[in-house]
Amino acid sequence: MNAYMRGFVILFVLLVLLSYLPPGKQYRKYIRFYAQLLMVLAALRPLFVLFGGKDTFYEKMAYAQCMEKLSEFSRDTQKIAYLNQDRYRTEYENVIAENIREKVDDMLQEYGLGTQSVTVELGEDHTMQEICIYITDENADEISVGRISVSDAAESGENQEVCGKVKEELAAYYGMEDSGIRVNYVGGT
């Protein structure tokens, strides 16, 4: 408390001297006003410390920063929820399916086969859960009958081997289990 009183007296003396420094009387009233305002604030400082605490200002700033980060986090989670909508998931699945189609077409070119359709299903964590590929003859007509699956017993031996090779390469390339990849030969349409 002694240090506070000493600081208050020094401030008072400095402000009184400052009020007599301006050459004209017209500025003296403004300087006195600000000096009195500083004196009132200095006199009320013990009350601010008593009711507000010593580090209240810094605590309020830290609280404000924390609240800003929480609001940023909330905005980020809203964006993630928006992006998880089915529309974006479907678009993402279609892009992946098109990339897989190009890769499989390159693999099948030497056998004279091509892809009829490729579908991809993604899991909740946006990893590939299932890849379904329908292979057809490259020189088949453009008329397409929607997804006719021929059982493994009906497939010819060579085409079954090709389907197995495609399945193995895709499983190795994408790091998936064989059970998540279906490759079917549907023949010419």
C-alpha atoms as a PDB file:
ATOM      1  CA  MET A   1       0.000   0.000   0.000  1.00  0.00           C
ATOM      2  CA  ASN A   2       2.946   2.287   0.703  1.00  0.00           C
ATOM      3  CA  ALA A   3       4.174   1.932  -2.880  1.00  0.00           C
ATOM      4  CA  TYR A   4       0.694   2.738  -4.168  1.00  0.00           C
ATOM      5  CA  MET A   5       0.500   5.989  -2.169  1.00  0.00           C
ATOM      6  CA  ARG A   6       3.990   7.008  -3.275  1.00  0.00           C
ATOM      7  CA  GLY A   7       3.050   6.393  -6.932  1.00  0.00           C
ATOM      8  CA  PHE A   8      -0.174   8.343  -6.500  1.00  0.00           C
ATOM      9  CA  VAL A   9       1.658  11.364  -5.035  1.00  0.00           C
ATOM     10  CA  ILE A  10       4.283  11.307  -7.812  1.00  0.00           C
ATOM     11  CA  LEU A  11       1.513  11.156 -10.437  1.00  0.00           C
ATOM     12  CA  PHE A  12      -0.287  14.074  -8.771  1.00  0.00           C
ATOM     13  CA  VAL A  13       2.847  16.251  -8.745  1.00  0.00           C
ATOM     14  CA  LEU A  14       3.634  15.445 -12.391  1.00  0.00           C
ATOM     15  CA  LEU A  15       0.102  16.255 -13.509  1.00  0.00           C
ATOM     16  CA  VAL A  16       0.068  19.552 -11.631  1.00  0.00           C
ATOM     17  CA  LEU A  17       3.384  20.550 -13.239  1.00  0.00           C
ATOM     18  CA  LEU A  18       2.068  19.459 -16.643  1.00  0.00           C
ATOM     19  CA  SER A  19      -1.020  21.653 -16.248  1.00  0.00           C
ATOM     20  CA  TYR A  20       1.181  24.795 -15.933  1.00  0.00           C
ATOM     21  CA  LEU A  21       3.455  24.056 -18.896  1.00  0.00           C
ATOM     22  CA  PRO A  22       1.290  25.144 -21.871  1.00  0.00           C
ATOM     23  CA  PRO A  23       1.884  28.761 -22.859  1.00  0.00           C
ATOM     24  CA  GLY A  24      -1.751  29.753 -23.364  1.00  0.00           C
ATOM     25  CA  LYS A  25      -4.764  29.508 -21.091  1.00  0.00           C
ATOM     26  CA  GLN A  26      -6.876  27.974 -23.856  1.00  0.00           C
ATOM     27  CA  TYR A  27      -5.088  24.574 -23.615  1.00  0.00           C
ATOM     28  CA  ARG A  28      -4.911  24.565 -19.840  1.00  0.00           C
ATOM     29  CA  LYS A  29      -8.542  23.492 -19.410  1.00  0.00           C
ATOM     30  CA  TYR A  30      -8.021  20.430 -21.665  1.00  0.00           C
ATOM     31  CA  ILE A  31      -4.877  19.384 -19.861  1.00  0.00           C
ATOM     32  CA  ARG A  32      -6.628  19.798 -16.484  1.00  0.00           C
ATOM     33  CA  PHE A  33      -9.534  17.670 -17.663  1.00  0.00           C
ATOM     34  CA  TYR A  34      -7.258  14.780 -18.720  1.00  0.00           C
ATOM     35  CA  ALA A  35      -5.146  15.187 -15.565  1.00  0.00           C
ATOM     36  CA  GLN A  36      -8.257  14.942 -13.397  1.00  0.00           C
ATOM     37  CA  LEU A  37      -9.417  11.910 -15.350  1.00  0.00           C
ATOM     38  CA  LEU A  38      -6.058  10.202 -14.762  1.00  0.00           C
ATOM     39  CA  MET A  39      -6.223  11.067 -11.062  1.00  0.00           C
ATOM     40  CA  VAL A  40      -9.699   9.565 -10.702  1.00  0.00           C
ATOM     41  CA  LEU A  41      -8.559   6.374 -12.486  1.00  0.00           C
ATOM     42  CA  ALA A  42      -5.455   6.194 -10.297  1.00  0.00           C
ATOM     43  CA  ALA A  43      -7.576   6.663  -7.165  1.00  0.00           C
ATOM     44  CA  LEU A  44      -9.993   3.916  -8.260  1.00  0.00           C
ATOM     45  CA  ARG A  45      -7.202   1.464  -9.094  1.00  0.00           C
ATOM     46  CA  PRO A  46      -7.344  -0.284  -5.676  1.00  0.00           C
ATOM     47  CA  LEU A  47     -11.065  -0.886  -6.202  1.00  0.00           C
ATOM     48  CA  PHE A  48     -10.408  -2.359  -9.669  1.00  0.00           C
ATOM     49  CA  VAL A  49      -7.799  -4.667  -8.185  1.00  0.00           C
ATOM     50  CA  LEU A  50     -10.080  -5.594  -5.289  1.00  0.00           C
ATOM     51  CA  PHE A  51     -13.162  -6.410  -7.390  1.00  0.00           C
ATOM     52  CA  GLY A  52     -11.548  -7.334 -10.669  1.00  0.00           C
ATOM     53  CA  GLY A  53      -8.561  -9.269  -9.436  1.00  0.00           C
ATOM     54  CA  LYS A  54      -4.957  -8.796 -10.399  1.00  0.00           C
ATOM     55  CA  ASP A  55      -4.897 -10.712 -13.679  1.00  0.00           C
ATOM     56  CA  THR A  56      -8.534 -10.327 -14.708  1.00  0.00           C
ATOM     57  CA  PHE A  57      -7.707  -8.547 -17.938  1.00  0.00           C
ATOM     58  CA  TYR A  58      -5.378 -11.319 -19.063  1.00  0.00           C
ATOM     59  CA  GLU A  59      -7.883 -13.951 -18.033  1.00  0.00           C
ATOM     60  CA  LYS A  60     -10.585 -12.225 -20.059  1.00  0.00           C
ATOM     61  CA  MET A  61      -8.262 -12.071 -23.075  1.00  0.00           C
ATOM     62  CA  ALA A  62      -7.450 -15.775 -22.734  1.00  0.00           C
ATOM     63  CA  TYR A  63     -11.162 -16.509 -22.426  1.00  0.00           C
ATOM     64  CA  ALA A  64     -11.908 -14.474 -25.553  1.00  0.00           C
ATOM     65  CA  GLN A  65      -9.192 -16.334 -27.480  1.00  0.00           C
ATOM     66  CA  CYS A  66     -10.559 -19.656 -26.270  1.00  0.00           C
ATOM     67  CA  MET A  67     -14.068 -18.694 -27.357  1.00  0.00           C
ATOM     68  CA  GLU A  68     -12.754 -17.657 -30.794  1.00  0.00           C
ATOM     69  CA  LYS A  69     -11.032 -21.024 -31.204  1.00  0.00           C
ATOM     70  CA  LEU A  70     -14.229 -22.803 -30.167  1.00  0.00           C
ATOM     71  CA  SER A  71     -16.226 -20.862 -32.731  1.00  0.00           C
ATOM     72  CA  GLU A  72     -13.614 -21.733 -35.401  1.00  0.00           C
ATOM     73  CA  PHE A  73     -13.899 -25.380 -34.387  1.00  0.00           C
ATOM     74  CA  SER A  74     -17.683 -25.152 -34.635  1.00  0.00           C
ATOM     75  CA  ARG A  75     -17.444 -23.643 -38.129  1.00  0.00           C
ATOM     76  CA  ASP A  76     -15.010 -26.385 -39.163  1.00  0.00           C
ATOM     77  CA  THR A  77     -17.329 -29.140 -37.933  1.00  0.00           C
ATOM     78  CA  GLN A  78     -20.218 -27.521 -39.817  1.00  0.00           C
ATOM     79  CA  LYS A  79     -18.105 -27.524 -42.992  1.00  0.00           C
ATOM     80  CA  ILE A  80     -17.189 -31.176 -42.479  1.00  0.00           C
ATOM     81  CA  ALA A  81     -20.842 -32.072 -41.937  1.00  0.00           C
ATOM     82  CA  TYR A  82     -21.756 -30.208 -45.119  1.00  0.00           C
ATOM     83  CA  LEU A  83     -19.071 -32.008 -47.103  1.00  0.00           C
ATOM     84  CA  ASN A  84     -20.207 -35.386 -45.800  1.00  0.00           C
ATOM     85  CA  GLN A  85     -23.497 -35.040 -47.591  1.00  0.00           C
ATOM     86  CA  ASP A  86     -24.375 -37.821 -50.013  1.00  0.00           C
ATOM     87  CA  ARG A  87     -24.002 -35.586 -53.060  1.00  0.00           C
ATOM     88  CA  TYR A  88     -20.292 -35.051 -52.463  1.00  0.00           C
ATOM     89  CA  ARG A  89     -19.795 -38.679 -51.521  1.00  0.00           C
ATOM     90  CA  THR A  90     -21.428 -39.759 -54.801  1.00  0.00           C
ATOM     91  CA  GLU A  91     -19.277 -37.358 -56.823  1.00  0.00           C
ATOM     92  CA  TYR A  92     -16.166 -38.654 -55.086  1.00  0.00           C
ATOM     93  CA  GLU A  93     -17.197 -42.266 -55.741  1.00  0.00           C
ATOM     94  CA  ASN A  94     -17.748 -41.441 -59.423  1.00  0.00           C
ATOM     95  CA  VAL A  95     -14.320 -39.854 -59.776  1.00  0.00           C
ATOM     96  CA  ILE A  96     -12.648 -42.847 -58.150  1.00  0.00           C
ATOM     97  CA  ALA A  97     -14.666 -45.231 -60.356  1.00  0.00           C
ATOM     98  CA  GLU A  98     -13.532 -43.374 -63.474  1.00  0.00           C
ATOM     99  CA  ASN A  99      -9.892 -43.595 -62.399  1.00  0.00           C
ATOM    100  CA  ILE A 100     -10.250 -47.313 -61.730  1.00  0.00           C
ATOM    101  CA  ARG A 101     -11.966 -47.740 -65.104  1.00  0.00           C
ATOM    102  CA  GLU A 102      -8.980 -46.168 -66.884  1.00  0.00           C
ATOM    103  CA  LYS A 103      -6.546 -48.390 -64.976  1.00  0.00           C
ATOM    104  CA  VAL A 104      -8.544 -51.558 -65.690  1.00  0.00           C
ATOM    105  CA  ASP A 105      -8.974 -50.645 -69.369  1.00  0.00           C
ATOM    106  CA  ASP A 106      -5.188 -50.387 -69.637  1.00  0.00           C
ATOM    107  CA  MET A 107      -4.827 -53.822 -68.023  1.00  0.00           C
ATOM    108  CA  LEU A 108      -7.477 -55.418 -70.264  1.00  0.00           C
ATOM    109  CA  GLN A 109      -6.280 -53.952 -73.549  1.00  0.00           C
ATOM    110  CA  GLU A 110      -3.900 -56.839 -74.233  1.00  0.00           C
ATOM    111  CA  TYR A 111      -6.761 -59.360 -73.846  1.00  0.00           C
ATOM    112  CA  GLY A 112      -9.142 -57.512 -76.177  1.00  0.00           C
ATOM    113  CA  LEU A 113     -11.500 -56.764 -73.302  1.00  0.00           C
ATOM    114  CA  GLY A 114     -12.855 -53.548 -71.832  1.00  0.00           C
ATOM    115  CA  THR A 115     -14.893 -52.353 -68.891  1.00  0.00           C
ATOM    116  CA  GLN A 116     -18.624 -52.081 -69.162  1.00  0.00           C
ATOM    117  CA  SER A 117     -19.099 -50.394 -65.814  1.00  0.00           C
ATOM    118  CA  VAL A 118     -17.235 -49.675 -62.611  1.00  0.00           C
ATOM    119  CA  THR A 119     -18.848 -48.769 -59.301  1.00  0.00           C
ATOM    120  CA  VAL A 120     -17.189 -47.850 -56.030  1.00  0.00           C
ATOM    121  CA  GLU A 121     -18.658 -47.719 -52.535  1.00  0.00           C
ATOM    122  CA  LEU A 122     -16.911 -45.705 -49.841  1.00  0.00           C
ATOM    123  CA  GLY A 123     -17.092 -46.295 -46.102  1.00  0.00           C
ATOM    124  CA  GLU A 124     -17.749 -43.693 -43.437  1.00  0.00           C
ATOM    125  CA  ASP A 125     -14.057 -42.840 -43.298  1.00  0.00           C
ATOM    126  CA  HIS A 126     -13.981 -42.298 -47.094  1.00  0.00           C
ATOM    127  CA  THR A 127     -11.949 -45.440 -47.754  1.00  0.00           C
ATOM    128  CA  MET A 128     -12.948 -47.844 -50.492  1.00  0.00           C
ATOM    129  CA  GLN A 129     -15.145 -50.618 -49.144  1.00  0.00           C
ATOM    130  CA  GLU A 130     -16.176 -52.232 -52.414  1.00  0.00           C
ATOM    131  CA  ILE A 131     -15.192 -52.091 -56.074  1.00  0.00           C
ATOM    132  CA  CYS A 132     -17.489 -53.752 -58.602  1.00  0.00           C
ATOM    133  CA  ILE A 133     -16.251 -54.111 -62.200  1.00  0.00           C
ATOM    134  CA  TYR A 134     -18.093 -55.597 -65.175  1.00  0.00           C
ATOM    135  CA  ILE A 135     -15.851 -56.657 -68.041  1.00  0.00           C
ATOM    136  CA  THR A 136     -17.040 -57.131 -71.603  1.00  0.00           C
ATOM    137  CA  ASP A 137     -15.553 -57.790 -75.024  1.00  0.00           C
ATOM    138  CA  GLU A 138     -13.994 -54.661 -76.491  1.00  0.00           C
ATOM    139  CA  ASN A 139     -15.591 -55.212 -79.890  1.00  0.00           C
ATOM    140  CA  ALA A 140     -19.066 -55.727 -78.424  1.00  0.00           C
ATOM    141  CA  ASP A 141     -21.958 -53.600 -79.666  1.00  0.00           C
ATOM    142  CA  GLU A 142     -22.687 -50.334 -77.917  1.00  0.00           C
ATOM    143  CA  ILE A 143     -26.075 -51.607 -76.719  1.00  0.00           C
ATOM    144  CA  SER A 144     -25.758 -52.230 -73.015  1.00  0.00           C
ATOM    145  CA  VAL A 145     -28.019 -54.290 -70.848  1.00  0.00           C
ATOM    146  CA  GLY A 146     -27.710 -53.177 -67.254  1.00  0.00           C
ATOM    147  CA  ARG A 147     -25.435 -55.339 -65.092  1.00  0.00           C
ATOM    148  CA  ILE A 148     -25.954 -58.935 -66.016  1.00  0.00           C
ATOM    149  CA  SER A 149     -23.797 -61.075 -63.779  1.00  0.00           C
ATOM    150  CA  VAL A 150     -22.748 -64.431 -65.085  1.00  0.00           C
ATOM    151  CA  SER A 151     -21.869 -66.975 -62.424  1.00  0.00           C
ATOM    152  CA  ASP A 152     -18.267 -68.166 -62.082  1.00  0.00           C
ATOM    153  CA  ALA A 153     -19.152 -71.598 -63.460  1.00  0.00           C
ATOM    154  CA  ALA A 154     -20.478 -70.142 -66.709  1.00  0.00           C
ATOM    155  CA  GLU A 155     -17.436 -67.952 -67.381  1.00  0.00           C
ATOM    156  CA  SER A 156     -14.885 -69.230 -69.789  1.00  0.00           C
ATOM    157  CA  GLY A 157     -11.555 -70.290 -68.282  1.00  0.00           C
ATOM    158  CA  GLU A 158      -9.477 -67.544 -69.942  1.00  0.00           C
ATOM    159  CA  ASN A 159     -11.846 -64.749 -68.969  1.00  0.00           C
ATOM    160  CA  GLN A 160     -12.018 -66.109 -65.435  1.00  0.00           C
ATOM    161  CA  GLU A 161      -8.215 -65.936 -65.240  1.00  0.00           C
ATOM    162  CA  VAL A 162      -8.279 -62.355 -66.530  1.00  0.00           C
ATOM    163  CA  CYS A 163     -10.884 -61.440 -63.910  1.00  0.00           C
ATOM    164  CA  GLY A 164      -8.686 -63.020 -61.229  1.00  0.00           C
ATOM    165  CA  LYS A 165      -5.601 -61.104 -62.423  1.00  0.00           C
ATOM    166  CA  VAL A 166      -7.501 -57.798 -62.442  1.00  0.00           C
ATOM    167  CA  LYS A 167      -8.825 -58.529 -58.964  1.00  0.00           C
ATOM    168  CA  GLU A 168      -5.338 -59.333 -57.622  1.00  0.00           C
ATOM    169  CA  GLU A 169      -3.746 -56.244 -59.193  1.00  0.00           C
ATOM    170  CA  LEU A 170      -6.455 -53.955 -57.849  1.00  0.00           C
ATOM    171  CA  ALA A 171      -6.236 -55.531 -54.391  1.00  0.00           C
ATOM    172  CA  ALA A 172      -2.466 -54.979 -54.357  1.00  0.00           C
ATOM    173  CA  TYR A 173      -2.682 -51.467 -55.817  1.00  0.00           C
ATOM    174  CA  TYR A 174      -5.404 -50.193 -53.461  1.00  0.00           C
ATOM    175  CA  GLY A 175      -4.427 -52.305 -50.439  1.00  0.00           C
ATOM    176  CA  MET A 176      -7.842 -53.913 -50.205  1.00  0.00           C
ATOM    177  CA  GLU A 177      -8.940 -57.428 -49.403  1.00  0.00           C
ATOM    178  CA  ASP A 178     -10.083 -59.620 -52.290  1.00  0.00           C
ATOM    179  CA  SER A 179     -13.554 -59.835 -50.743  1.00  0.00           C
ATOM    180  CA  GLY A 180     -14.058 -56.099 -51.355  1.00  0.00           C
ATOM    181  CA  ILE A 181     -13.414 -56.396 -55.086  1.00  0.00           C
ATOM    182  CA  ARG A 182     -15.825 -58.024 -57.521  1.00  0.00           C
ATOM    183  CA  VAL A 183     -14.786 -58.525 -61.124  1.00  0.00           C
ATOM    184  CA  ASN A 184     -17.372 -60.134 -63.399  1.00  0.00           C
ATOM    185  CA  TYR A 185     -17.179 -61.016 -67.083  1.00  0.00           C
ATOM    186  CA  VAL A 186     -20.507 -60.325 -68.771  1.00  0.00           C
ATOM    187  CA  GLY A 187     -19.376 -61.127 -72.316  1.00  0.00           C
ATOM    188  CA  GLY A 188     -20.681 -59.323 -75.375  1.00  0.00           C
ATOM    189  CA  THR A 189     -24.037 -57.596 -75.137  1.00  0.00           C
END
